[in-house]
Amino acid sequence: TKTIEYLDSRVVKTIYEATKDWDEPVTIAVLPDHPTPCHLRT
């Protein structure tokens, strides 16, 4: 949960705020590659 919050506050926020007013349109996609459920550990 903390790593997701870090991703939000330390990566996504920074990139969005830096690019939101660029003259050229910007596309941002957010996703994982696969689930890694904690109860399965795989």
PDB file of all heavy atoms in Angstrom:
ATOM      1  N   THR A   1       0.836  -1.201   0.000  1.00  0.00           N
ATOM      2  CA  THR A   1       0.000   0.000   0.000  1.00  0.00           C
ATOM      3  C   THR A   1       0.874   1.255   0.000  1.00  0.00           C
ATOM      4  O   THR A   1       0.622   2.215  -0.735  1.00  0.00           O
ATOM      5  CB  THR A   1      -0.936  -0.005   1.221  1.00  0.00           C
ATOM      6  OG1 THR A   1      -1.724  -1.201   1.209  1.00  0.00           O
ATOM      7  CG2 THR A   1      -1.856   1.209   1.211  1.00  0.00           C
ATOM      8  N   LYS A   2       1.942   1.230   0.789  1.00  0.00           N
ATOM      9  CA  LYS A   2       2.845   2.381   0.875  1.00  0.00           C
ATOM     10  C   LYS A   2       3.557   2.616  -0.459  1.00  0.00           C
ATOM     11  O   LYS A   2       3.733   3.765  -0.878  1.00  0.00           O
ATOM     12  CB  LYS A   2       3.872   2.153   1.990  1.00  0.00           C
ATOM     13  CG  LYS A   2       4.771   3.350   2.262  1.00  0.00           C
ATOM     14  CD  LYS A   2       5.728   3.082   3.411  1.00  0.00           C
ATOM     15  CE  LYS A   2       5.006   3.020   4.732  1.00  0.00           C
ATOM     16  NZ  LYS A   2       5.956   2.893   5.868  1.00  0.00           N
ATOM     17  N   THR A   3       3.954   1.530  -1.147  1.00  0.00           N
ATOM     18  CA  THR A   3       4.640   1.711  -2.438  1.00  0.00           C
ATOM     19  C   THR A   3       3.716   2.362  -3.468  1.00  0.00           C
ATOM     20  O   THR A   3       4.171   3.137  -4.316  1.00  0.00           O
ATOM     21  CB  THR A   3       5.169   0.376  -3.005  1.00  0.00           C
ATOM     22  OG1 THR A   3       4.075  -0.506  -3.288  1.00  0.00           O
ATOM     23  CG2 THR A   3       6.139  -0.296  -2.038  1.00  0.00           C
ATOM     24  N   ILE A   4       2.422   2.057  -3.393  1.00  0.00           N
ATOM     25  CA  ILE A   4       1.461   2.689  -4.307  1.00  0.00           C
ATOM     26  C   ILE A   4       1.320   4.170  -3.975  1.00  0.00           C
ATOM     27  O   ILE A   4       1.250   5.022  -4.870  1.00  0.00           O
ATOM     28  CB  ILE A   4       0.102   1.956  -4.229  1.00  0.00           C
ATOM     29  CG1 ILE A   4       0.247   0.520  -4.778  1.00  0.00           C
ATOM     30  CG2 ILE A   4      -0.969   2.720  -5.011  1.00  0.00           C
ATOM     31  CD1 ILE A   4      -0.921  -0.387  -4.454  1.00  0.00           C
ATOM     32  N   GLU A   5       1.305   4.483  -2.687  1.00  0.00           N
ATOM     33  CA  GLU A   5       1.239   5.890  -2.279  1.00  0.00           C
ATOM     34  C   GLU A   5       2.501   6.645  -2.695  1.00  0.00           C
ATOM     35  O   GLU A   5       2.434   7.808  -3.110  1.00  0.00           O
ATOM     36  CB  GLU A   5       1.019   5.976  -0.765  1.00  0.00           C
ATOM     37  CG  GLU A   5      -0.360   5.463  -0.358  1.00  0.00           C
ATOM     38  CD  GLU A   5      -0.598   5.450   1.139  1.00  0.00           C
ATOM     39  OE1 GLU A   5       0.388   5.586   1.905  1.00  0.00           O
ATOM     40  OE2 GLU A   5      -1.768   5.293   1.549  1.00  0.00           O
ATOM     41  N   TYR A   6       3.649   5.984  -2.597  1.00  0.00           N
ATOM     42  CA  TYR A   6       4.896   6.595  -3.072  1.00  0.00           C
ATOM     43  C   TYR A   6       4.836   6.843  -4.578  1.00  0.00           C
ATOM     44  O   TYR A   6       5.266   7.898  -5.058  1.00  0.00           O
ATOM     45  CB  TYR A   6       6.087   5.687  -2.759  1.00  0.00           C
ATOM     46  CG  TYR A   6       6.542   5.674  -1.319  1.00  0.00           C
ATOM     47  CD1 TYR A   6       7.386   4.667  -0.862  1.00  0.00           C
ATOM     48  CD2 TYR A   6       6.148   6.650  -0.414  1.00  0.00           C
ATOM     49  CE1 TYR A   6       7.824   4.633   0.459  1.00  0.00           C
ATOM     50  CE2 TYR A   6       6.573   6.620   0.906  1.00  0.00           C
ATOM     51  CZ  TYR A   6       7.416   5.613   1.341  1.00  0.00           C
ATOM     52  OH  TYR A   6       7.846   5.580   2.629  1.00  0.00           O
ATOM     53  N   LEU A   7       4.322   5.866  -5.314  1.00  0.00           N
ATOM     54  CA  LEU A   7       4.198   6.032  -6.764  1.00  0.00           C
ATOM     55  C   LEU A   7       3.339   7.249  -7.082  1.00  0.00           C
ATOM     56  O   LEU A   7       3.660   8.045  -7.979  1.00  0.00           O
ATOM     57  CB  LEU A   7       3.588   4.767  -7.387  1.00  0.00           C
ATOM     58  CG  LEU A   7       3.432   4.787  -8.909  1.00  0.00           C
ATOM     59  CD1 LEU A   7       4.778   4.665  -9.597  1.00  0.00           C
ATOM     60  CD2 LEU A   7       2.497   3.668  -9.379  1.00  0.00           C
ATOM     61  N   ASP A   8       2.249   7.412  -6.338  1.00  0.00           N
ATOM     62  CA  ASP A   8       1.338   8.522  -6.570  1.00  0.00           C
ATOM     63  C   ASP A   8       1.986   9.867  -6.243  1.00  0.00           C
ATOM     64  O   ASP A   8       1.995  10.791  -7.074  1.00  0.00           O
ATOM     65  CB  ASP A   8       0.079   8.340  -5.716  1.00  0.00           C
ATOM     66  CG  ASP A   8      -0.958   9.416  -5.973  1.00  0.00           C
ATOM     67  OD1 ASP A   8      -1.749   9.252  -6.915  1.00  0.00           O
ATOM     68  OD2 ASP A   8      -0.967  10.431  -5.240  1.00  0.00           O
ATOM     69  N   SER A   9       2.546   9.971  -5.029  1.00  0.00           N
ATOM     70  CA  SER A   9       2.999  11.273  -4.538  1.00  0.00           C
ATOM     71  C   SER A   9       4.382  11.669  -5.029  1.00  0.00           C
ATOM     72  O   SER A   9       4.704  12.860  -5.101  1.00  0.00           O
ATOM     73  CB  SER A   9       2.987  11.278  -3.001  1.00  0.00           C
ATOM     74  OG  SER A   9       3.905  10.325  -2.481  1.00  0.00           O
ATOM     75  N   ARG A  10       5.190  10.674  -5.407  1.00  0.00           N
ATOM     76  CA  ARG A  10       6.588  10.964  -5.746  1.00  0.00           C
ATOM     77  C   ARG A  10       6.901  10.773  -7.228  1.00  0.00           C
ATOM     78  O   ARG A  10       7.971  11.154  -7.685  1.00  0.00           O
ATOM     79  CB  ARG A  10       7.505  10.103  -4.883  1.00  0.00           C
ATOM     80  CG  ARG A  10       7.307  10.375  -3.398  1.00  0.00           C
ATOM     81  CD  ARG A  10       7.939   9.332  -2.512  1.00  0.00           C
ATOM     82  NE  ARG A  10       9.399   9.371  -2.547  1.00  0.00           N
ATOM     83  CZ  ARG A  10      10.170   8.537  -1.846  1.00  0.00           C
ATOM     84  NH1 ARG A  10       9.619   7.603  -1.077  1.00  0.00           N
ATOM     85  NH2 ARG A  10      11.485   8.638  -1.932  1.00  0.00           N
ATOM     86  N   VAL A  11       5.953  10.170  -7.971  1.00  0.00           N
ATOM     87  CA  VAL A  11       6.163   9.959  -9.408  1.00  0.00           C
ATOM     88  C   VAL A  11       5.022  10.566 -10.229  1.00  0.00           C
ATOM     89  O   VAL A  11       5.234  11.485 -11.015  1.00  0.00           O
ATOM     90  CB  VAL A  11       6.316   8.454  -9.731  1.00  0.00           C
ATOM     91  CG1 VAL A  11       6.431   8.235 -11.242  1.00  0.00           C
ATOM     92  CG2 VAL A  11       7.534   7.869  -9.019  1.00  0.00           C
ATOM     93  N   VAL A  12       3.796  10.058 -10.030  1.00  0.00           N
ATOM     94  CA  VAL A  12       2.675  10.501 -10.863  1.00  0.00           C
ATOM     95  C   VAL A  12       2.399  11.989 -10.662  1.00  0.00           C
ATOM     96  O   VAL A  12       2.224  12.741 -11.637  1.00  0.00           O
ATOM     97  CB  VAL A  12       1.420   9.655 -10.573  1.00  0.00           C
ATOM     98  CG1 VAL A  12       0.234  10.174 -11.384  1.00  0.00           C
ATOM     99  CG2 VAL A  12       1.680   8.179 -10.910  1.00  0.00           C
ATOM    100  N   LYS A  13       2.362  12.441  -9.410  1.00  0.00           N
ATOM    101  CA  LYS A  13       2.146  13.864  -9.128  1.00  0.00           C
ATOM    102  C   LYS A  13       3.201  14.722  -9.832  1.00  0.00           C
ATOM    103  O   LYS A  13       2.869  15.709 -10.508  1.00  0.00           O
ATOM    104  CB  LYS A  13       2.204  14.114  -7.617  1.00  0.00           C
ATOM    105  CG  LYS A  13       2.116  15.588  -7.236  1.00  0.00           C
ATOM    106  CD  LYS A  13       2.265  15.781  -5.728  1.00  0.00           C
ATOM    107  CE  LYS A  13       2.242  17.263  -5.371  1.00  0.00           C
ATOM    108  NZ  LYS A  13       2.393  17.475  -3.898  1.00  0.00           N
ATOM    109  N   THR A  14       4.468  14.333  -9.699  1.00  0.00           N
ATOM    110  CA  THR A  14       5.570  15.111 -10.270  1.00  0.00           C
ATOM    111  C   THR A  14       5.452  15.211 -11.783  1.00  0.00           C
ATOM    112  O   THR A  14       5.615  16.292 -12.373  1.00  0.00           O
ATOM    113  CB  THR A  14       6.914  14.465  -9.895  1.00  0.00           C
ATOM    114  OG1 THR A  14       6.978  14.326  -8.469  1.00  0.00           O
ATOM    115  CG2 THR A  14       8.088  15.287 -10.375  1.00  0.00           C
ATOM    116  N   ILE A  15       5.155  14.081 -12.422  1.00  0.00           N
ATOM    117  CA  ILE A  15       5.075  14.053 -13.885  1.00  0.00           C
ATOM    118  C   ILE A  15       3.851  14.830 -14.378  1.00  0.00           C
ATOM    119  O   ILE A  15       3.935  15.615 -15.336  1.00  0.00           O
ATOM    120  CB  ILE A  15       5.075  12.598 -14.387  1.00  0.00           C
ATOM    121  CG1 ILE A  15       6.453  11.967 -14.138  1.00  0.00           C
ATOM    122  CG2 ILE A  15       4.703  12.527 -15.870  1.00  0.00           C
ATOM    123  CD1 ILE A  15       6.509  10.479 -14.360  1.00  0.00           C
ATOM    124  N   TYR A  16       2.716  14.650 -13.715  1.00  0.00           N
ATOM    125  CA  TYR A  16       1.506  15.367 -14.134  1.00  0.00           C
ATOM    126  C   TYR A  16       1.683  16.875 -13.988  1.00  0.00           C
ATOM    127  O   TYR A  16       1.374  17.653 -14.918  1.00  0.00           O
ATOM    128  CB  TYR A  16       0.304  14.889 -13.321  1.00  0.00           C
ATOM    129  CG  TYR A  16      -0.943  15.710 -13.563  1.00  0.00           C
ATOM    130  CD1 TYR A  16      -1.661  15.590 -14.749  1.00  0.00           C
ATOM    131  CD2 TYR A  16      -1.387  16.636 -12.616  1.00  0.00           C
ATOM    132  CE1 TYR A  16      -2.791  16.361 -14.988  1.00  0.00           C
ATOM    133  CE2 TYR A  16      -2.512  17.406 -12.835  1.00  0.00           C
ATOM    134  CZ  TYR A  16      -3.214  17.267 -14.024  1.00  0.00           C
ATOM    135  OH  TYR A  16      -4.331  18.037 -14.259  1.00  0.00           O
ATOM    136  N   GLU A  17       2.179  17.315 -12.831  1.00  0.00           N
ATOM    137  CA  GLU A  17       2.337  18.756 -12.596  1.00  0.00           C
ATOM    138  C   GLU A  17       3.350  19.380 -13.557  1.00  0.00           C
ATOM    139  O   GLU A  17       3.199  20.521 -13.982  1.00  0.00           O
ATOM    140  CB  GLU A  17       2.761  19.010 -11.143  1.00  0.00           C
ATOM    141  CG  GLU A  17       1.694  18.690 -10.107  1.00  0.00           C
ATOM    142  CD  GLU A  17       0.512  19.646 -10.141  1.00  0.00           C
ATOM    143  OE1 GLU A  17       0.594  20.678 -10.847  1.00  0.00           O
ATOM    144  OE2 GLU A  17      -0.507  19.346  -9.496  1.00  0.00           O
ATOM    145  N   ALA A  18       4.374  18.607 -13.924  1.00  0.00           N
ATOM    146  CA  ALA A  18       5.405  19.143 -14.821  1.00  0.00           C
ATOM    147  C   ALA A  18       4.931  19.245 -16.260  1.00  0.00           C
ATOM    148  O   ALA A  18       5.425  20.093 -17.022  1.00  0.00           O
ATOM    149  CB  ALA A  18       6.652  18.260 -14.759  1.00  0.00           C
ATOM    150  N   THR A  19       3.968  18.405 -16.660  1.00  0.00           N
ATOM    151  CA  THR A  19       3.591  18.323 -18.080  1.00  0.00           C
ATOM    152  C   THR A  19       2.205  18.878 -18.395  1.00  0.00           C
ATOM    153  O   THR A  19       1.865  19.030 -19.568  1.00  0.00           O
ATOM    154  CB  THR A  19       3.639  16.855 -18.561  1.00  0.00           C
ATOM    155  OG1 THR A  19       2.694  16.076 -17.797  1.00  0.00           O
ATOM    156  CG2 THR A  19       5.023  16.258 -18.386  1.00  0.00           C
ATOM    157  N   LYS A  20       1.407  19.205 -17.376  1.00  0.00           N
ATOM    158  CA  LYS A  20      -0.006  19.537 -17.630  1.00  0.00           C
ATOM    159  C   LYS A  20      -0.196  20.798 -18.462  1.00  0.00           C
ATOM    160  O   LYS A  20      -1.227  20.955 -19.137  1.00  0.00           O
ATOM    161  CB  LYS A  20      -0.766  19.647 -16.309  1.00  0.00           C
ATOM    162  CG  LYS A  20      -0.349  20.801 -15.427  1.00  0.00           C
ATOM    163  CD  LYS A  20      -1.181  20.841 -14.142  1.00  0.00           C
ATOM    164  CE  LYS A  20      -0.787  22.034 -13.280  1.00  0.00           C
ATOM    165  NZ  LYS A  20      -1.583  22.100 -12.038  1.00  0.00           N
ATOM    166  N   ASP A  21       0.782  21.688 -18.425  1.00  0.00           N
ATOM    167  CA  ASP A  21       0.648  22.944 -19.170  1.00  0.00           C
ATOM    168  C   ASP A  21       1.525  23.002 -20.412  1.00  0.00           C
ATOM    169  O   ASP A  21       1.706  24.084 -21.001  1.00  0.00           O
ATOM    170  CB  ASP A  21       0.962  24.127 -18.239  1.00  0.00           C
ATOM    171  CG  ASP A  21      -0.039  24.256 -17.105  1.00  0.00           C
ATOM    172  OD1 ASP A  21      -1.228  23.996 -17.347  1.00  0.00           O
ATOM    173  OD2 ASP A  21       0.376  24.591 -15.975  1.00  0.00           O
ATOM    174  N   TRP A  22       2.093  21.874 -20.811  1.00  0.00           N
ATOM    175  CA  TRP A  22       2.899  21.861 -22.036  1.00  0.00           C
ATOM    176  C   TRP A  22       2.019  22.203 -23.242  1.00  0.00           C
ATOM    177  O   TRP A  22       0.834  21.838 -23.289  1.00  0.00           O
ATOM    178  CB  TRP A  22       3.540  20.486 -22.231  1.00  0.00           C
ATOM    179  CG  TRP A  22       4.720  20.231 -21.329  1.00  0.00           C
ATOM    180  CD1 TRP A  22       5.157  21.010 -20.297  1.00  0.00           C
ATOM    181  CD2 TRP A  22       5.604  19.104 -21.376  1.00  0.00           C
ATOM    182  NE1 TRP A  22       6.262  20.439 -19.694  1.00  0.00           N
ATOM    183  CE2 TRP A  22       6.559  19.269 -20.345  1.00  0.00           C
ATOM    184  CE3 TRP A  22       5.687  17.977 -22.188  1.00  0.00           C
ATOM    185  CZ2 TRP A  22       7.571  18.348 -20.104  1.00  0.00           C
ATOM    186  CZ3 TRP A  22       6.698  17.056 -21.959  1.00  0.00           C
ATOM    187  CH2 TRP A  22       7.630  17.241 -20.929  1.00  0.00           C
ATOM    188  N   ASP A  23       2.618  22.869 -24.201  1.00  0.00           N
ATOM    189  CA  ASP A  23       1.875  23.200 -25.421  1.00  0.00           C
ATOM    190  C   ASP A  23       1.506  21.947 -26.201  1.00  0.00           C
ATOM    191  O   ASP A  23       0.407  21.843 -26.745  1.00  0.00           O
ATOM    192  CB  ASP A  23       2.712  24.135 -26.303  1.00  0.00           C
ATOM    193  CG  ASP A  23       2.889  25.514 -25.687  1.00  0.00           C
ATOM    194  OD1 ASP A  23       2.043  25.904 -24.864  1.00  0.00           O
ATOM    195  OD2 ASP A  23       3.884  26.189 -26.019  1.00  0.00           O
ATOM    196  N   GLU A  24       2.424  20.989 -26.242  1.00  0.00           N
ATOM    197  CA  GLU A  24       2.158  19.741 -26.968  1.00  0.00           C
ATOM    198  C   GLU A  24       1.314  18.800 -26.099  1.00  0.00           C
ATOM    199  O   GLU A  24       1.574  18.665 -24.901  1.00  0.00           O
ATOM    200  CB  GLU A  24       3.481  19.058 -27.333  1.00  0.00           C
ATOM    201  CG  GLU A  24       3.315  17.859 -28.255  1.00  0.00           C
ATOM    202  CD  GLU A  24       4.634  17.338 -28.805  1.00  0.00           C
ATOM    203  OE1 GLU A  24       5.687  17.906 -28.448  1.00  0.00           O
ATOM    204  OE2 GLU A  24       4.592  16.372 -29.579  1.00  0.00           O
ATOM    205  N   PRO A  25       0.290  18.172 -26.666  1.00  0.00           N
ATOM    206  CA  PRO A  25      -0.538  17.259 -25.883  1.00  0.00           C
ATOM    207  C   PRO A  25       0.289  16.129 -25.252  1.00  0.00           C
ATOM    208  O   PRO A  25       1.259  15.657 -25.854  1.00  0.00           O
ATOM    209  CB  PRO A  25      -1.524  16.697 -26.910  1.00  0.00           C
ATOM    210  CG  PRO A  25      -1.550  17.702 -28.009  1.00  0.00           C
ATOM    211  CD  PRO A  25      -0.172  18.288 -28.061  1.00  0.00           C
ATOM    212  N   VAL A  26      -0.110  15.729 -24.051  1.00  0.00           N
ATOM    213  CA  VAL A  26       0.586  14.674 -23.315  1.00  0.00           C
ATOM    214  C   VAL A  26      -0.404  13.563 -22.974  1.00  0.00           C
ATOM    215  O   VAL A  26      -1.521  13.830 -22.516  1.00  0.00           O
ATOM    216  CB  VAL A  26       1.217  15.224 -22.024  1.00  0.00           C
ATOM    217  CG1 VAL A  26       1.836  14.091 -21.199  1.00  0.00           C
ATOM    218  CG2 VAL A  26       2.281  16.277 -22.348  1.00  0.00           C
ATOM    219  N   THR A  27       0.013  12.337 -23.203  1.00  0.00           N
ATOM    220  CA  THR A  27      -0.756  11.161 -22.798  1.00  0.00           C
ATOM    221  C   THR A  27      -0.004  10.453 -21.674  1.00  0.00           C
ATOM    222  O   THR A  27       1.194  10.187 -21.795  1.00  0.00           O
ATOM    223  CB  THR A  27      -0.941  10.196 -23.981  1.00  0.00           C
ATOM    224  OG1 THR A  27      -1.733  10.821 -24.985  1.00  0.00           O
ATOM    225  CG2 THR A  27      -1.639   8.913 -23.535  1.00  0.00           C
ATOM    226  N   ILE A  28      -0.718  10.166 -20.580  1.00  0.00           N
ATOM    227  CA  ILE A  28      -0.140   9.428 -19.457  1.00  0.00           C
ATOM    228  C   ILE A  28      -0.977   8.185 -19.226  1.00  0.00           C
ATOM    229  O   ILE A  28      -2.196   8.271 -19.017  1.00  0.00           O
ATOM    230  CB  ILE A  28      -0.114  10.270 -18.163  1.00  0.00           C
ATOM    231  CG1 ILE A  28       0.661  11.572 -18.361  1.00  0.00           C
ATOM    232  CG2 ILE A  28       0.488   9.451 -17.010  1.00  0.00           C
ATOM    233  CD1 ILE A  28       0.597  12.515 -17.155  1.00  0.00           C
ATOM    234  N   ALA A  29      -0.344   7.020 -19.281  1.00  0.00           N
ATOM    235  CA  ALA A  29      -1.009   5.755 -18.951  1.00  0.00           C
ATOM    236  C   ALA A  29      -0.437   5.232 -17.641  1.00  0.00           C
ATOM    237  O   ALA A  29       0.769   5.329 -17.405  1.00  0.00           O
ATOM    238  CB  ALA A  29      -0.807   4.735 -20.064  1.00  0.00           C
ATOM    239  N   VAL A  30      -1.308   4.691 -16.785  1.00  0.00           N
ATOM    240  CA  VAL A  30      -0.886   4.082 -15.523  1.00  0.00           C
ATOM    241  C   VAL A  30      -1.467   2.683 -15.457  1.00  0.00           C
ATOM    242  O   VAL A  30      -2.673   2.489 -15.692  1.00  0.00           O
ATOM    243  CB  VAL A  30      -1.361   4.912 -14.306  1.00  0.00           C
ATOM    244  CG1 VAL A  30      -0.947   4.229 -13.002  1.00  0.00           C
ATOM    245  CG2 VAL A  30      -0.810   6.335 -14.365  1.00  0.00           C
ATOM    246  N   LEU A  31      -0.621   1.721 -15.124  1.00  0.00           N
ATOM    247  CA  LEU A  31      -1.063   0.323 -15.034  1.00  0.00           C
ATOM    248  C   LEU A  31       0.030  -0.528 -14.405  1.00  0.00           C
ATOM    249  O   LEU A  31       1.194  -0.129 -14.384  1.00  0.00           O
ATOM    250  CB  LEU A  31      -1.422  -0.231 -16.414  1.00  0.00           C
ATOM    251  CG  LEU A  31      -0.296  -0.571 -17.402  1.00  0.00           C
ATOM    252  CD1 LEU A  31      -0.862  -1.427 -18.550  1.00  0.00           C
ATOM    253  CD2 LEU A  31       0.376   0.653 -17.983  1.00  0.00           C
ATOM    254  N   PRO A  32      -0.344  -1.713 -13.890  1.00  0.00           N
ATOM    255  CA  PRO A  32       0.652  -2.732 -13.574  1.00  0.00           C
ATOM    256  C   PRO A  32       0.819  -3.661 -14.774  1.00  0.00           C
ATOM    257  O   PRO A  32       0.147  -3.484 -15.798  1.00  0.00           O
ATOM    258  CB  PRO A  32       0.019  -3.475 -12.392  1.00  0.00           C
ATOM    259  CG  PRO A  32      -1.449  -3.375 -12.655  1.00  0.00           C
ATOM    260  CD  PRO A  32      -1.680  -2.085 -13.423  1.00  0.00           C
ATOM    261  N   ASP A  33       1.712  -4.620 -14.649  1.00  0.00           N
ATOM    262  CA  ASP A  33       1.856  -5.618 -15.707  1.00  0.00           C
ATOM    263  C   ASP A  33       1.033  -6.870 -15.406  1.00  0.00           C
ATOM    264  O   ASP A  33       0.532  -7.528 -16.308  1.00  0.00           O
ATOM    265  CB  ASP A  33       3.336  -5.986 -15.920  1.00  0.00           C
ATOM    266  CG  ASP A  33       4.068  -6.277 -14.621  1.00  0.00           C
ATOM    267  OD1 ASP A  33       3.498  -6.080 -13.525  1.00  0.00           O
ATOM    268  OD2 ASP A  33       5.243  -6.695 -14.686  1.00  0.00           O
ATOM    269  N   HIS A  34       0.881  -7.197 -14.139  1.00  0.00           N
ATOM    270  CA  HIS A  34       0.138  -8.373 -13.685  1.00  0.00           C
ATOM    271  C   HIS A  34      -0.192  -8.153 -12.219  1.00  0.00           C
ATOM    272  O   HIS A  34       0.434  -7.317 -11.555  1.00  0.00           O
ATOM    273  CB  HIS A  34       0.984  -9.655 -13.835  1.00  0.00           C
ATOM    274  CG  HIS A  34       2.325  -9.529 -13.198  1.00  0.00           C
ATOM    275  ND1 HIS A  34       2.513  -9.435 -11.830  1.00  0.00           N
ATOM    276  CD2 HIS A  34       3.576  -9.409 -13.730  1.00  0.00           C
ATOM    277  CE1 HIS A  34       3.793  -9.278 -11.555  1.00  0.00           C
ATOM    278  NE2 HIS A  34       4.461  -9.243 -12.691  1.00  0.00           N
ATOM    279  N   PRO A  35      -1.145  -8.883 -11.640  1.00  0.00           N
ATOM    280  CA  PRO A  35      -1.329  -8.833 -10.192  1.00  0.00           C
ATOM    281  C   PRO A  35      -0.247  -9.661  -9.480  1.00  0.00           C
ATOM    282  O   PRO A  35       0.229 -10.666 -10.009  1.00  0.00           O
ATOM    283  CB  PRO A  35      -2.713  -9.474  -9.975  1.00  0.00           C
ATOM    284  CG  PRO A  35      -3.344  -9.564 -11.336  1.00  0.00           C
ATOM    285  CD  PRO A  35      -2.202  -9.668 -12.307  1.00  0.00           C
ATOM    286  N   THR A  36       0.139  -9.208  -8.279  1.00  0.00           N
ATOM    287  CA  THR A  36       0.949 -10.016  -7.372  1.00  0.00           C
ATOM    288  C   THR A  36       0.249  -9.991  -6.015  1.00  0.00           C
ATOM    289  O   THR A  36       0.606  -9.210  -5.122  1.00  0.00           O
ATOM    290  CB  THR A  36       2.394  -9.473  -7.242  1.00  0.00           C
ATOM    291  OG1 THR A  36       2.964  -9.315  -8.549  1.00  0.00           O
ATOM    292  CG2 THR A  36       3.268 -10.444  -6.446  1.00  0.00           C
ATOM    293  N   PRO A  37      -0.782 -10.833  -5.835  1.00  0.00           N
ATOM    294  CA  PRO A  37      -1.556 -10.801  -4.593  1.00  0.00           C
ATOM    295  C   PRO A  37      -0.706 -11.156  -3.370  1.00  0.00           C
ATOM    296  O   PRO A  37       0.050 -12.139  -3.404  1.00  0.00           O
ATOM    297  CB  PRO A  37      -2.647 -11.850  -4.831  1.00  0.00           C
ATOM    298  CG  PRO A  37      -2.757 -11.971  -6.314  1.00  0.00           C
ATOM    299  CD  PRO A  37      -1.354 -11.763  -6.817  1.00  0.00           C
ATOM    300  N   CYS A  38      -0.860 -10.364  -2.315  1.00  0.00           N
ATOM    301  CA  CYS A  38      -0.053 -10.570  -1.114  1.00  0.00           C
ATOM    302  C   CYS A  38      -0.309 -11.930  -0.470  1.00  0.00           C
ATOM    303  O   CYS A  38       0.614 -12.544   0.076  1.00  0.00           O
ATOM    304  CB  CYS A  38      -0.332  -9.463  -0.105  1.00  0.00           C
ATOM    305  SG  CYS A  38       0.332  -7.849  -0.591  1.00  0.00           S
ATOM    306  N   HIS A  39      -1.545 -12.411  -0.547  1.00  0.00           N
ATOM    307  CA  HIS A  39      -1.823 -13.684   0.124  1.00  0.00           C
ATOM    308  C   HIS A  39      -1.247 -14.877  -0.645  1.00  0.00           C
ATOM    309  O   HIS A  39      -1.002 -15.935  -0.065  1.00  0.00           O
ATOM    310  CB  HIS A  39      -3.329 -13.869   0.355  1.00  0.00           C
ATOM    311  CG  HIS A  39      -4.115 -14.228  -0.870  1.00  0.00           C
ATOM    312  ND1 HIS A  39      -4.497 -15.509  -1.156  1.00  0.00           N
ATOM    313  CD2 HIS A  39      -4.586 -13.464  -1.884  1.00  0.00           C
ATOM    314  CE1 HIS A  39      -5.179 -15.529  -2.287  1.00  0.00           C
ATOM    315  NE2 HIS A  39      -5.237 -14.304  -2.755  1.00  0.00           N
ATOM    316  N   LEU A  40      -0.987 -14.699  -1.928  1.00  0.00           N
ATOM    317  CA  LEU A  40      -0.372 -15.762  -2.737  1.00  0.00           C
ATOM    318  C   LEU A  40       1.138 -15.612  -2.831  1.00  0.00           C
ATOM    319  O   LEU A  40       1.861 -16.590  -3.048  1.00  0.00           O
ATOM    320  CB  LEU A  40      -0.968 -15.765  -4.144  1.00  0.00           C
ATOM    321  CG  LEU A  40      -2.442 -16.127  -4.276  1.00  0.00           C
ATOM    322  CD1 LEU A  40      -2.894 -15.966  -5.725  1.00  0.00           C
ATOM    323  CD2 LEU A  40      -2.702 -17.558  -3.798  1.00  0.00           C
ATOM    324  N   ARG A  41       1.616 -14.371  -2.752  1.00  0.00           N
ATOM    325  CA  ARG A  41       3.040 -14.037  -2.848  1.00  0.00           C
ATOM    326  C   ARG A  41       3.639 -14.412  -4.205  1.00  0.00           C
ATOM    327  O   ARG A  41       4.823 -14.664  -4.333  1.00  0.00           O
ATOM    328  CB  ARG A  41       3.828 -14.692  -1.706  1.00  0.00           C
ATOM    329  CG  ARG A  41       3.404 -14.210  -0.333  1.00  0.00           C
ATOM    330  CD  ARG A  41       4.175 -14.862   0.780  1.00  0.00           C
ATOM    331  NE  ARG A  41       5.595 -14.509   0.736  1.00  0.00           N
ATOM    332  CZ  ARG A  41       6.487 -14.930   1.611  1.00  0.00           C
ATOM    333  NH1 ARG A  41       6.114 -15.725   2.603  1.00  0.00           N
ATOM    334  NH2 ARG A  41       7.753 -14.563   1.510  1.00  0.00           N
ATOM    335  N   THR A  42       2.798 -14.464  -5.224  1.00  0.00           N
ATOM    336  CA  THR A  42       3.268 -14.717  -6.581  1.00  0.00           C
ATOM    337  C   THR A  42       2.307 -14.088  -7.576  1.00  0.00           C
ATOM    338  O   THR A  42       1.259 -13.548  -7.200  1.00  0.00           O
ATOM    339  CB  THR A  42       3.429 -16.228  -6.833  1.00  0.00           C
ATOM    340  OG1 THR A  42       4.143 -16.419  -8.058  1.00  0.00           O
ATOM    341  CG2 THR A  42       2.089 -16.938  -6.917  1.00  0.00           C
TER     342      THR A  42
END
